[in-house]
C-alpha atoms as a PDB file:
ATOM      1  CA  UNK A   1     111.023 124.946 115.444  1.00  0.00           C
ATOM      2  CA  UNK A   2     107.812 126.956 115.776  1.00  0.00           C
ATOM      3  CA  UNK A   3     105.610 125.581 113.043  1.00  0.00           C
ATOM      4  CA  UNK A   4     103.571 128.215 111.164  1.00  0.00           C
ATOM      5  CA  UNK A   5      99.867 128.420 111.964  1.00  0.00           C
ATOM      6  CA  UNK A   6      97.137 127.862 109.431  1.00  0.00           C
ATOM      7  CA  UNK A   7      97.048 130.778 106.991  1.00  0.00           C
ATOM      8  CA  UNK A   8      94.172 133.193 107.484  1.00  0.00           C
ATOM      9  CA  UNK A   9      92.489 132.203 104.227  1.00  0.00           C
ATOM     10  CA  UNK A  10      89.685 129.847 103.171  1.00  0.00           C
ATOM     11  CA  UNK A  11      91.907 127.771 100.857  1.00  0.00           C
ATOM     12  CA  UNK A  12      95.545 126.961 100.269  1.00  0.00           C
ATOM     13  CA  UNK A  13      96.117 126.491  96.531  1.00  0.00           C
ATOM     14  CA  UNK A  14      99.382 124.981  95.305  1.00  0.00           C
ATOM     15  CA  UNK A  15     100.790 123.940  91.945  1.00  0.00           C
ATOM     16  CA  UNK A  16     104.011 122.533  90.516  1.00  0.00           C
ATOM     17  CA  UNK A  17     105.279 122.022  86.979  1.00  0.00           C
ATOM     18  CA  UNK A  18     106.142 118.427  86.067  1.00  0.00           C
ATOM     19  CA  UNK A  19     108.205 116.881  83.289  1.00  0.00           C
ATOM     20  CA  UNK A  20     109.268 113.361  82.279  1.00  0.00           C
ATOM     21  CA  UNK A  21     112.529 112.318  83.916  1.00  0.00           C
ATOM     22  CA  UNK A  22     113.641 110.834  80.575  1.00  0.00           C
ATOM     23  CA  UNK A  23     112.574 111.650  77.056  1.00  0.00           C
ATOM     24  CA  UNK A  24     109.395 113.513  76.192  1.00  0.00           C
ATOM     25  CA  UNK A  25     106.609 110.886  76.317  1.00  0.00           C
ATOM     26  CA  UNK A  26     104.384 109.868  79.209  1.00  0.00           C
ATOM     27  CA  UNK A  27     101.415 107.563  79.761  1.00  0.00           C
ATOM     28  CA  UNK A  28      98.306 109.046  81.425  1.00  0.00           C
ATOM     29  CA  UNK A  29      95.868 107.173  83.593  1.00  0.00           C
ATOM     30  CA  UNK A  30      93.353 105.113  81.626  1.00  0.00           C
ATOM     31  CA  UNK A  31      89.669 104.675  82.404  1.00  0.00           C
ATOM     32  CA  UNK A  32      87.569 101.570  81.577  1.00  0.00           C
ATOM     33  CA  UNK A  33      85.692 101.923  78.265  1.00  0.00           C
ATOM     34  CA  UNK A  34      87.180 105.395  77.853  1.00  0.00           C
ATOM     35  CA  UNK A  35      90.947 105.246  77.784  1.00  0.00           C
ATOM     36  CA  UNK A  36      92.794 108.501  78.322  1.00  0.00           C
ATOM     37  CA  UNK A  37      90.668 111.465  79.454  1.00  0.00           C
ATOM     38  CA  UNK A  38      91.264 114.079  76.752  1.00  0.00           C
ATOM     39  CA  UNK A  39      89.223 117.246  76.301  1.00  0.00           C
ATOM     40  CA  UNK A  40      89.319 120.693  74.682  1.00  0.00           C
ATOM     41  CA  UNK A  41      89.140 124.134  76.196  1.00  0.00           C
ATOM     42  CA  UNK A  42      86.939 126.849  74.707  1.00  0.00           C
ATOM     43  CA  UNK A  43      89.926 128.096  72.685  1.00  0.00           C
ATOM     44  CA  UNK A  44      90.381 124.527  71.285  1.00  0.00           C
ATOM     45  CA  UNK A  45      93.533 123.852  73.357  1.00  0.00           C
ATOM     46  CA  UNK A  46      93.996 120.068  73.629  1.00  0.00           C
ATOM     47  CA  UNK A  47      94.063 118.991  77.286  1.00  0.00           C
ATOM     48  CA  UNK A  48      94.640 115.699  79.094  1.00  0.00           C
ATOM     49  CA  UNK A  49      93.840 114.519  82.623  1.00  0.00           C
ATOM     50  CA  UNK A  50      97.083 112.775  83.577  1.00  0.00           C
ATOM     51  CA  UNK A  51      95.981 111.810  87.108  1.00  0.00           C
ATOM     52  CA  UNK A  52      92.470 112.085  88.561  1.00  0.00           C
ATOM     53  CA  UNK A  53      91.504 113.509  91.951  1.00  0.00           C
ATOM     54  CA  UNK A  54      90.709 110.060  93.330  1.00  0.00           C
ATOM     55  CA  UNK A  55      94.051 108.658  92.145  1.00  0.00           C
ATOM     56  CA  UNK A  56      96.036 111.564  93.600  1.00  0.00           C
ATOM     57  CA  UNK A  57      94.195 111.103  96.921  1.00  0.00           C
ATOM     58  CA  UNK A  58      95.360 107.480  97.022  1.00  0.00           C
ATOM     59  CA  UNK A  59      98.916 108.505  96.165  1.00  0.00           C
ATOM     60  CA  UNK A  60      98.967 111.195  98.855  1.00  0.00           C
ATOM     61  CA  UNK A  61      97.924 108.586 101.405  1.00  0.00           C
ATOM     62  CA  UNK A  62     100.616 106.210 100.145  1.00  0.00           C
ATOM     63  CA  UNK A  63     103.327 108.748 101.035  1.00  0.00           C
ATOM     64  CA  UNK A  64     102.682 107.950 104.706  1.00  0.00           C
ATOM     65  CA  UNK A  65     103.318 104.215 104.473  1.00  0.00           C
ATOM     66  CA  UNK A  66     106.704 102.480 104.436  1.00  0.00           C
ATOM     67  CA  UNK A  67     106.159  99.389 102.272  1.00  0.00           C
ATOM     68  CA  UNK A  68     109.558  97.925 103.134  1.00  0.00           C
ATOM     69  CA  UNK A  69     108.964  98.137 106.902  1.00  0.00           C
ATOM     70  CA  UNK A  70     105.197  97.577 106.851  1.00  0.00           C
ATOM     71  CA  UNK A  71     104.443 100.598 109.038  1.00  0.00           C
ATOM     72  CA  UNK A  72     104.077 104.382 109.010  1.00  0.00           C
ATOM     73  CA  UNK A  73     107.094 106.330 107.817  1.00  0.00           C
ATOM     74  CA  UNK A  74     109.244 107.391 110.766  1.00  0.00           C
ATOM     75  CA  UNK A  75     108.150 111.070 111.074  1.00  0.00           C
ATOM     76  CA  UNK A  76     104.512 109.972 111.482  1.00  0.00           C
ATOM     77  CA  UNK A  77     104.944 107.410 114.259  1.00  0.00           C
ATOM     78  CA  UNK A  78     102.264 107.984 116.877  1.00  0.00           C
ATOM     79  CA  UNK A  79      99.462 108.872 114.445  1.00  0.00           C
ATOM     80  CA  UNK A  80      96.459 106.565 114.938  1.00  0.00           C
ATOM     81  CA  UNK A  81      95.189 104.125 112.319  1.00  0.00           C
ATOM     82  CA  UNK A  82      93.267 100.843 112.250  1.00  0.00           C
ATOM     83  CA  UNK A  83      95.105  97.592 111.576  1.00  0.00           C
ATOM     84  CA  UNK A  84      93.000  94.694 110.273  1.00  0.00           C
ATOM     85  CA  UNK A  85      93.820  91.208 111.512  1.00  0.00           C
ATOM     86  CA  UNK A  86      92.490  87.847 110.287  1.00  0.00           C
ATOM     87  CA  UNK A  87      93.511  84.591 111.923  1.00  0.00           C
ATOM     88  CA  UNK A  88      96.205  86.462 113.835  1.00  0.00           C
ATOM     89  CA  UNK A  89      97.781  87.918 110.683  1.00  0.00           C
ATOM     90  CA  UNK A  90      97.707  91.578 109.613  1.00  0.00           C
ATOM     91  CA  UNK A  91      96.058  91.785 106.187  1.00  0.00           C
ATOM     92  CA  UNK A  92      95.479  95.528 105.630  1.00  0.00           C
ATOM     93  CA  UNK A  93      94.867  98.834 107.403  1.00  0.00           C
ATOM     94  CA  UNK A  94      92.803 102.004 107.140  1.00  0.00           C
ATOM     95  CA  UNK A  95      95.645 103.908 105.472  1.00  0.00           C
ATOM     96  CA  UNK A  96      95.885 101.463 102.591  1.00  0.00           C
ATOM     97  CA  UNK A  97      92.178 100.797 102.097  1.00  0.00           C
ATOM     98  CA  UNK A  98      90.452 102.834  99.383  1.00  0.00           C
ATOM     99  CA  UNK A  99      87.520 103.688 101.660  1.00  0.00           C
ATOM    100  CA  UNK A 100      89.592 104.186 104.794  1.00  0.00           C
ATOM    101  CA  UNK A 101      87.453 103.570 107.920  1.00  0.00           C
ATOM    102  CA  UNK A 102      84.587 102.488 105.667  1.00  0.00           C
ATOM    103  CA  UNK A 103      86.604  99.570 104.333  1.00  0.00           C
ATOM    104  CA  UNK A 104      84.626  96.333 104.151  1.00  0.00           C
ATOM    105  CA  UNK A 105      87.331  94.713 106.292  1.00  0.00           C
ATOM    106  CA  UNK A 106      86.834  97.244 109.070  1.00  0.00           C
ATOM    107  CA  UNK A 107      83.058  97.285 108.622  1.00  0.00           C
ATOM    108  CA  UNK A 108      83.011  93.565 109.487  1.00  0.00           C
ATOM    109  CA  UNK A 109      85.155  93.969 112.604  1.00  0.00           C
ATOM    110  CA  UNK A 110      84.848  94.852 116.264  1.00  0.00           C
ATOM    111  CA  UNK A 111      86.334  98.308 115.632  1.00  0.00           C
ATOM    112  CA  UNK A 112      83.267  99.227 113.556  1.00  0.00           C
ATOM    113  CA  UNK A 113      81.127  98.645 116.650  1.00  0.00           C
ATOM    114  CA  UNK A 114      83.403 100.839 118.758  1.00  0.00           C
ATOM    115  CA  UNK A 115      83.402 103.557 116.093  1.00  0.00           C
ATOM    116  CA  UNK A 116      79.600 103.554 115.891  1.00  0.00           C
ATOM    117  CA  UNK A 117      79.427 103.784 119.698  1.00  0.00           C
ATOM    118  CA  UNK A 118      81.801 106.771 119.728  1.00  0.00           C
ATOM    119  CA  UNK A 119      79.815 108.562 117.024  1.00  0.00           C
ATOM    120  CA  UNK A 120      76.543 107.765 118.829  1.00  0.00           C
ATOM    121  CA  UNK A 121      74.367 108.598 115.819  1.00  0.00           C
ATOM    122  CA  UNK A 122      70.627 108.523 116.516  1.00  0.00           C
ATOM    123  CA  UNK A 123      68.146 108.232 113.712  1.00  0.00           C
ATOM    124  CA  UNK A 124      65.839 111.223 113.220  1.00  0.00           C
ATOM    125  CA  UNK A 125      68.117 113.435 115.327  1.00  0.00           C
ATOM    126  CA  UNK A 126      70.682 116.001 114.154  1.00  0.00           C
ATOM    127  CA  UNK A 127      74.182 114.620 113.748  1.00  0.00           C
ATOM    128  CA  UNK A 128      76.577 115.697 116.482  1.00  0.00           C
ATOM    129  CA  UNK A 129      79.291 116.744 114.013  1.00  0.00           C
ATOM    130  CA  UNK A 130      81.914 117.481 116.664  1.00  0.00           C
ATOM    131  CA  UNK A 131      81.462 114.011 118.145  1.00  0.00           C
ATOM    132  CA  UNK A 132      81.627 112.512 114.639  1.00  0.00           C
ATOM    133  CA  UNK A 133      84.859 114.377 113.823  1.00  0.00           C
ATOM    134  CA  UNK A 134      86.472 113.452 117.142  1.00  0.00           C
ATOM    135  CA  UNK A 135      85.621 109.774 116.586  1.00  0.00           C
ATOM    136  CA  UNK A 136      87.266 109.850 113.147  1.00  0.00           C
ATOM    137  CA  UNK A 137      90.309 111.608 114.606  1.00  0.00           C
ATOM    138  CA  UNK A 138      90.552 109.013 117.366  1.00  0.00           C
ATOM    139  CA  UNK A 139      90.914 106.072 114.993  1.00  0.00           C
ATOM    140  CA  UNK A 140      92.489 107.665 111.890  1.00  0.00           C
ATOM    141  CA  UNK A 141      93.072 111.450 111.591  1.00  0.00           C
ATOM    142  CA  UNK A 142      94.019 110.957 107.920  1.00  0.00           C
ATOM    143  CA  UNK A 143      90.282 110.705 107.224  1.00  0.00           C
ATOM    144  CA  UNK A 144      89.951 114.349 108.269  1.00  0.00           C
ATOM    145  CA  UNK A 145      92.088 115.236 105.241  1.00  0.00           C
ATOM    146  CA  UNK A 146      90.933 112.637 102.719  1.00  0.00           C
ATOM    147  CA  UNK A 147      87.257 112.269 103.624  1.00  0.00           C
ATOM    148  CA  UNK A 148      85.088 109.280 104.426  1.00  0.00           C
ATOM    149  CA  UNK A 149      81.511 108.071 103.953  1.00  0.00           C
ATOM    150  CA  UNK A 150      80.306 105.676 106.663  1.00  0.00           C
ATOM    151  CA  UNK A 151      77.133 104.569 104.891  1.00  0.00           C
ATOM    152  CA  UNK A 152      77.245 101.229 106.711  1.00  0.00           C
ATOM    153  CA  UNK A 153      76.475 103.099 109.971  1.00  0.00           C
ATOM    154  CA  UNK A 154      74.231 105.828 108.578  1.00  0.00           C
ATOM    155  CA  UNK A 155      73.829 107.479 105.197  1.00  0.00           C
ATOM    156  CA  UNK A 156      74.510 110.954 106.601  1.00  0.00           C
ATOM    157  CA  UNK A 157      77.952 110.208 108.051  1.00  0.00           C
ATOM    158  CA  UNK A 158      79.964 111.833 105.299  1.00  0.00           C
ATOM    159  CA  UNK A 159      83.052 114.023 105.405  1.00  0.00           C
ATOM    160  CA  UNK A 160      84.337 115.537 102.130  1.00  0.00           C
ATOM    161  CA  UNK A 161      87.985 115.777 101.223  1.00  0.00           C
ATOM    162  CA  UNK A 162      89.835 118.682 102.794  1.00  0.00           C
ATOM    163  CA  UNK A 163      92.945 117.885 100.715  1.00  0.00           C
ATOM    164  CA  UNK A 164      92.650 117.196  97.000  1.00  0.00           C
ATOM    165  CA  UNK A 165      94.764 117.253  93.875  1.00  0.00           C
ATOM    166  CA  UNK A 166      94.945 116.369  90.190  1.00  0.00           C
ATOM    167  CA  UNK A 167      97.426 116.530  87.304  1.00  0.00           C
ATOM    168  CA  UNK A 168      96.691 118.058  83.903  1.00  0.00           C
ATOM    169  CA  UNK A 169      98.687 118.340  80.673  1.00  0.00           C
ATOM    170  CA  UNK A 170      98.280 121.169  78.155  1.00  0.00           C
ATOM    171  CA  UNK A 171      98.647 121.206  74.366  1.00  0.00           C
ATOM    172  CA  UNK A 172      98.922 117.434  74.145  1.00  0.00           C
ATOM    173  CA  UNK A 173      99.679 115.263  71.117  1.00  0.00           C
ATOM    174  CA  UNK A 174      99.187 111.513  70.784  1.00  0.00           C
ATOM    175  CA  UNK A 175     102.214 109.289  70.283  1.00  0.00           C
ATOM    176  CA  UNK A 176     100.920 106.055  68.735  1.00  0.00           C
ATOM    177  CA  UNK A 177     103.146 103.008  68.891  1.00  0.00           C
ATOM    178  CA  UNK A 178     102.855  99.289  69.404  1.00  0.00           C
ATOM    179  CA  UNK A 179     104.600  95.988  69.695  1.00  0.00           C
ATOM    180  CA  UNK A 180     104.127  92.258  69.635  1.00  0.00           C
ATOM    181  CA  UNK A 181     104.243  89.466  72.173  1.00  0.00           C
ATOM    182  CA  UNK A 182     106.332  86.802  70.454  1.00  0.00           C
ATOM    183  CA  UNK A 183     105.739  83.086  70.948  1.00  0.00           C
ATOM    184  CA  UNK A 184     109.031  81.274  70.226  1.00  0.00           C
ATOM    185  CA  UNK A 185     107.346  77.867  70.170  1.00  0.00           C
ATOM    186  CA  UNK A 186     104.016  78.332  68.367  1.00  0.00           C
ATOM    187  CA  UNK A 187     103.792  81.619  66.519  1.00  0.00           C
ATOM    188  CA  UNK A 188     100.442  80.708  64.967  1.00  0.00           C
ATOM    189  CA  UNK A 189      97.116  80.140  66.714  1.00  0.00           C
ATOM    190  CA  UNK A 190      94.761  77.186  66.442  1.00  0.00           C
ATOM    191  CA  UNK A 191      91.223  77.565  67.829  1.00  0.00           C
ATOM    192  CA  UNK A 192      90.447  73.876  67.427  1.00  0.00           C
ATOM    193  CA  UNK A 193      93.449  72.922  69.524  1.00  0.00           C
ATOM    194  CA  UNK A 194      92.764  75.616  72.104  1.00  0.00           C
ATOM    195  CA  UNK A 195      96.069  77.387  71.428  1.00  0.00           C
ATOM    196  CA  UNK A 196      94.818  80.944  70.846  1.00  0.00           C
ATOM    197  CA  UNK A 197      95.756  84.323  72.274  1.00  0.00           C
ATOM    198  CA  UNK A 198      93.078  83.822  74.936  1.00  0.00           C
ATOM    199  CA  UNK A 199      95.048  80.890  76.311  1.00  0.00           C
ATOM    200  CA  UNK A 200      98.331  82.799  75.963  1.00  0.00           C
ATOM    201  CA  UNK A 201      99.617  81.192  72.769  1.00  0.00           C
ATOM    202  CA  UNK A 202     100.843  82.668  69.481  1.00  0.00           C
ATOM    203  CA  UNK A 203     102.242  86.018  68.424  1.00  0.00           C
ATOM    204  CA  UNK A 204     100.001  88.808  69.700  1.00  0.00           C
ATOM    205  CA  UNK A 205     100.420  92.324  68.256  1.00  0.00           C
ATOM    206  CA  UNK A 206      99.207  95.295  70.317  1.00  0.00           C
ATOM    207  CA  UNK A 207      99.009  99.075  70.074  1.00  0.00           C
ATOM    208  CA  UNK A 208      99.599 101.734  72.711  1.00  0.00           C
ATOM    209  CA  UNK A 209      99.073 105.477  72.952  1.00  0.00           C
ATOM    210  CA  UNK A 210     101.376 107.770  74.886  1.00  0.00           C
ATOM    211  CA  UNK A 211     101.409 111.569  74.906  1.00  0.00           C
ATOM    212  CA  UNK A 212     103.645 114.593  74.694  1.00  0.00           C
ATOM    213  CA  UNK A 213     102.644 117.974  76.134  1.00  0.00           C
ATOM    214  CA  UNK A 214     103.732 121.589  76.155  1.00  0.00           C
ATOM    215  CA  UNK A 215     103.287 121.554  79.943  1.00  0.00           C
ATOM    216  CA  UNK A 216     102.220 119.236  82.772  1.00  0.00           C
ATOM    217  CA  UNK A 217     100.989 120.729  86.050  1.00  0.00           C
ATOM    218  CA  UNK A 218     100.067 119.218  89.414  1.00  0.00           C
ATOM    219  CA  UNK A 219      97.428 121.125  91.400  1.00  0.00           C
ATOM    220  CA  UNK A 220      96.586 120.807  95.114  1.00  0.00           C
ATOM    221  CA  UNK A 221      93.820 122.350  97.215  1.00  0.00           C
ATOM    222  CA  UNK A 222      93.726 122.346 101.022  1.00  0.00           C
ATOM    223  CA  UNK A 223      90.436 123.536 102.544  1.00  0.00           C
ATOM    224  CA  UNK A 224      91.629 125.492 105.585  1.00  0.00           C
ATOM    225  CA  UNK A 225      88.108 126.513 106.587  1.00  0.00           C
ATOM    226  CA  UNK A 226      87.114 122.855 106.781  1.00  0.00           C
ATOM    227  CA  UNK A 227      90.047 122.074 109.075  1.00  0.00           C
ATOM    228  CA  UNK A 228      89.087 124.973 111.343  1.00  0.00           C
ATOM    229  CA  UNK A 229      85.462 123.797 111.336  1.00  0.00           C
ATOM    230  CA  UNK A 230      86.517 120.569 113.078  1.00  0.00           C
ATOM    231  CA  UNK A 231      86.983 122.602 116.306  1.00  0.00           C
ATOM    232  CA  UNK A 232      89.726 120.296 117.525  1.00  0.00           C
ATOM    233  CA  UNK A 233      91.997 122.988 118.913  1.00  0.00           C
ATOM    234  CA  UNK A 234      95.250 124.564 117.799  1.00  0.00           C
ATOM    235  CA  UNK A 235      97.472 121.515 118.391  1.00  0.00           C
ATOM    236  CA  UNK A 236      95.438 119.251 116.133  1.00  0.00           C
ATOM    237  CA  UNK A 237      94.960 121.984 113.532  1.00  0.00           C
ATOM    238  CA  UNK A 238      98.728 122.431 113.346  1.00  0.00           C
ATOM    239  CA  UNK A 239      99.231 118.678 113.107  1.00  0.00           C
ATOM    240  CA  UNK A 240      96.721 118.315 110.248  1.00  0.00           C
ATOM    241  CA  UNK A 241      98.227 121.303 108.418  1.00  0.00           C
ATOM    242  CA  UNK A 242     101.729 119.867 108.673  1.00  0.00           C
ATOM    243  CA  UNK A 243     100.481 116.417 107.667  1.00  0.00           C
ATOM    244  CA  UNK A 244      98.843 117.861 104.534  1.00  0.00           C
ATOM    245  CA  UNK A 245     102.035 119.698 103.545  1.00  0.00           C
ATOM    246  CA  UNK A 246     104.073 116.547 104.198  1.00  0.00           C
ATOM    247  CA  UNK A 247     101.830 114.493 101.910  1.00  0.00           C
ATOM    248  CA  UNK A 248     101.964 116.996  99.050  1.00  0.00           C
ATOM    249  CA  UNK A 249     105.693 117.682  99.263  1.00  0.00           C
ATOM    250  CA  UNK A 250     106.673 114.039  99.703  1.00  0.00           C
ATOM    251  CA  UNK A 251     104.448 112.996  96.794  1.00  0.00           C
ATOM    252  CA  UNK A 252     106.224 115.528  94.566  1.00  0.00           C
ATOM    253  CA  UNK A 253     109.648 114.465  95.860  1.00  0.00           C
ATOM    254  CA  UNK A 254     109.241 110.667  95.838  1.00  0.00           C
ATOM    255  CA  UNK A 255     105.866 109.607  94.473  1.00  0.00           C
ATOM    256  CA  UNK A 256     105.782 110.697  90.826  1.00  0.00           C
ATOM    257  CA  UNK A 257     106.538 107.339  89.227  1.00  0.00           C
ATOM    258  CA  UNK A 258     102.850 107.021  88.411  1.00  0.00           C
ATOM    259  CA  UNK A 259     103.210 104.150  85.940  1.00  0.00           C
ATOM    260  CA  UNK A 260     106.001 102.288  84.147  1.00  0.00           C
ATOM    261  CA  UNK A 261     105.757 104.723  81.243  1.00  0.00           C
ATOM    262  CA  UNK A 262     104.908 107.770  83.355  1.00  0.00           C
ATOM    263  CA  UNK A 263     107.875 108.756  85.501  1.00  0.00           C
ATOM    264  CA  UNK A 264     107.865 112.481  86.277  1.00  0.00           C
ATOM    265  CA  UNK A 265     109.826 115.002  88.323  1.00  0.00           C
ATOM    266  CA  UNK A 266     108.603 118.239  89.838  1.00  0.00           C
ATOM    267  CA  UNK A 267     109.805 121.806  89.735  1.00  0.00           C
ATOM    268  CA  UNK A 268     109.268 124.303  92.540  1.00  0.00           C
ATOM    269  CA  UNK A 269     106.032 124.071  94.517  1.00  0.00           C
ATOM    270  CA  UNK A 270     104.225 127.402  94.160  1.00  0.00           C
ATOM    271  CA  UNK A 271     101.564 128.978  96.357  1.00  0.00           C
ATOM    272  CA  UNK A 272      98.910 130.617  94.181  1.00  0.00           C
ATOM    273  CA  UNK A 273      96.577 131.481  97.070  1.00  0.00           C
ATOM    274  CA  UNK A 274      96.842 133.182  99.504  1.00  0.00           C
ATOM    275  CA  UNK A 275      99.278 135.583  97.884  1.00  0.00           C
ATOM    276  CA  UNK A 276     102.655 136.070  99.510  1.00  0.00           C
ATOM    277  CA  UNK A 277     102.601 132.896 101.620  1.00  0.00           C
ATOM    278  CA  UNK A 278     105.879 130.970 101.997  1.00  0.00           C
ATOM    279  CA  UNK A 279     105.721 127.280 102.849  1.00  0.00           C
ATOM    280  CA  UNK A 280     108.189 125.455 105.110  1.00  0.00           C
ATOM    281  CA  UNK A 281     110.393 123.003 103.224  1.00  0.00           C
ATOM    282  CA  UNK A 282     109.804 119.259 103.271  1.00  0.00           C
ATOM    283  CA  UNK A 283     112.812 118.897 105.583  1.00  0.00           C
ATOM    284  CA  UNK A 284     111.357 121.461 107.995  1.00  0.00           C
ATOM    285  CA  UNK A 285     107.927 119.802 107.954  1.00  0.00           C
ATOM    286  CA  UNK A 286     109.515 116.377 108.509  1.00  0.00           C
ATOM    287  CA  UNK A 287     111.497 117.667 111.485  1.00  0.00           C
ATOM    288  CA  UNK A 288     108.459 119.350 113.038  1.00  0.00           C
ATOM    289  CA  UNK A 289     105.959 116.495 112.690  1.00  0.00           C
ATOM    290  CA  UNK A 290     107.084 114.275 115.632  1.00  0.00           C
ATOM    291  CA  UNK A 291     106.669 117.172 118.065  1.00  0.00           C
ATOM    292  CA  UNK A 292     103.336 118.196 116.526  1.00  0.00           C
ATOM    293  CA  UNK A 293     102.046 114.611 116.789  1.00  0.00           C
ATOM    294  CA  UNK A 294     103.135 114.435 120.439  1.00  0.00           C
ATOM    295  CA  UNK A 295     101.316 117.692 121.185  1.00  0.00           C
ATOM    296  CA  UNK A 296      98.197 116.453 119.380  1.00  0.00           C
ATOM    297  CA  UNK A 297      98.278 113.175 121.328  1.00  0.00           C
ATOM    298  CA  UNK A 298      98.291 115.125 124.601  1.00  0.00           C
ATOM    299  CA  UNK A 299      94.779 116.395 123.779  1.00  0.00           C
ATOM    300  CA  UNK A 300      93.490 112.909 124.598  1.00  0.00           C
ATOM    301  CA  UNK A 301      91.590 112.568 121.321  1.00  0.00           C
ATOM    302  CA  UNK A 302      93.920 110.004 119.724  1.00  0.00           C
ATOM    303  CA  UNK A 303      93.363 106.326 120.453  1.00  0.00           C
ATOM    304  CA  UNK A 304      95.747 104.893 123.043  1.00  0.00           C
ATOM    305  CA  UNK A 305      97.553 102.833 121.865  1.00  0.00           C
ATOM    306  CA  UNK A 306      97.405 104.625 118.501  1.00  0.00           C
ATOM    307  CA  UNK A 307      97.100 101.435 116.425  1.00  0.00           C
ATOM    308  CA  UNK A 308      93.633  99.914 116.875  1.00  0.00           C
ATOM    309  CA  UNK A 309      93.469  96.212 115.958  1.00  0.00           C
ATOM    310  CA  UNK A 310      90.326  95.233 114.064  1.00  0.00           C
ATOM    311  CA  UNK A 311      89.560  91.513 114.001  1.00  0.00           C
ATOM    312  CA  UNK A 312      88.025  90.840 110.583  1.00  0.00           C
ATOM    313  CA  UNK A 313      85.103  88.420 110.506  1.00  0.00           C
ATOM    314  CA  UNK A 314      85.156  86.848 107.051  1.00  0.00           C
ATOM    315  CA  UNK A 315      81.704  86.330 105.488  1.00  0.00           C
ATOM    316  CA  UNK A 316      80.501  82.761 105.531  1.00  0.00           C
ATOM    317  CA  UNK A 317      80.250  80.892 102.286  1.00  0.00           C
ATOM    318  CA  UNK A 318      76.846  80.148 100.796  1.00  0.00           C
ATOM    319  CA  UNK A 319      75.092  76.934 101.784  1.00  0.00           C
ATOM    320  CA  UNK A 320      76.342  73.931  99.844  1.00  0.00           C
ATOM    321  CA  UNK A 321      73.858  72.340  97.484  1.00  0.00           C
ATOM    322  CA  UNK A 322      74.549  68.707  98.321  1.00  0.00           C
ATOM    323  CA  UNK A 323      72.475  66.864 100.907  1.00  0.00           C
ATOM    324  CA  UNK A 324      75.442  66.332 103.196  1.00  0.00           C
ATOM    325  CA  UNK A 325      75.528  70.059 103.984  1.00  0.00           C
ATOM    326  CA  UNK A 326      71.900  70.359 105.126  1.00  0.00           C
ATOM    327  CA  UNK A 327      73.072  70.560 108.726  1.00  0.00           C
ATOM    328  CA  UNK A 328      74.606  73.945 107.924  1.00  0.00           C
ATOM    329  CA  UNK A 329      71.240  75.409 106.917  1.00  0.00           C
ATOM    330  CA  UNK A 330      70.562  76.678 110.426  1.00  0.00           C
ATOM    331  CA  UNK A 331      73.727  78.781 110.459  1.00  0.00           C
ATOM    332  CA  UNK A 332      73.178  82.464 110.991  1.00  0.00           C
ATOM    333  CA  UNK A 333      73.668  84.375 107.695  1.00  0.00           C
ATOM    334  CA  UNK A 334      76.658  86.647 107.278  1.00  0.00           C
ATOM    335  CA  UNK A 335      76.098  90.383 107.738  1.00  0.00           C
ATOM    336  CA  UNK A 336      74.751  91.962 104.589  1.00  0.00           C
ATOM    337  CA  UNK A 337      76.967  94.531 102.913  1.00  0.00           C
ATOM    338  CA  UNK A 338      76.395  97.107 100.223  1.00  0.00           C
ATOM    339  CA  UNK A 339      76.467  96.149  96.584  1.00  0.00           C
ATOM    340  CA  UNK A 340      79.887  96.861  95.046  1.00  0.00           C
ATOM    341  CA  UNK A 341      78.478  99.648  92.935  1.00  0.00           C
ATOM    342  CA  UNK A 342      77.003 101.449  95.906  1.00  0.00           C
ATOM    343  CA  UNK A 343      80.286 102.053  97.696  1.00  0.00           C
ATOM    344  CA  UNK A 344      81.466 105.512  96.688  1.00  0.00           C
ATOM    345  CA  UNK A 345      84.920 106.972  96.941  1.00  0.00           C
ATOM    346  CA  UNK A 346      85.034 109.416  99.821  1.00  0.00           C
ATOM    347  CA  UNK A 347      84.579 112.995  98.735  1.00  0.00           C
ATOM    348  CA  UNK A 348      82.963 112.125  95.391  1.00  0.00           C
END
């Protein structure tokens, strides 16, 4: 089929109505020290963030991976990504890592050196953005949709998300319930004996909050101007456009079991901007992708072979304190990484 070109618009805005597959209740995402993200509109309408932008980004990426087979889903074979190997065993890859090519496992590998060479960033000189984009596309074109921040190479090597999404619920009400973990052997707890709830003993009551809503809506935003700004040519633009549609449509079709108590199904996917645009179906996108990937590979930008193997160098353990380990004191220290709090989610 002739796949449609990028719409002549700055953004593609999509939305779909969601509903629980059974019953009326659902469990939203919870945040540490906050719980569910509830808020009010100016007209006092009670709202709820069911799924955040960063969570939806992770779920869109997950649509591309076949967990049972341990590889890309069949329509996407031929797309490049980085596979991380330790001691001859595959442990992760750039599609599954939260920070994509900026994963700590890739940062401490030989691929990071090759990536930095391809980007060829020079301090105190303007970034060659085209070279930067082509390097990202070579190793993992998914980063051109989901963003990346290569602060381990240079603090300016950032690409925002071109594809984003979130899920909101409107006119929500709390459904408070609870339960108890029963201990058939020792229902009571004894601190002196060390048989408390902390150790897993005794009956432990708990509470839980779920929600009902008048409506639940999933929203998606594809920045078409950003894709065009990559200047990668028509074949790669078409491939990225189809890949974005595949992720959104497959997430709505197969990826809405967000949690045990949050299993949703989607209605029709609507285009809210640009007006009058009709999208190809998921089946049509799936059928077109192999040919689009082949055409994109012919540009010579993709890595060949498409799967780059990164050999992870595990950090060395700290020097032992006993005298017998003094001989290890001359070992070269492991590469220093960023503090955990400094590593930001791409596009934040």
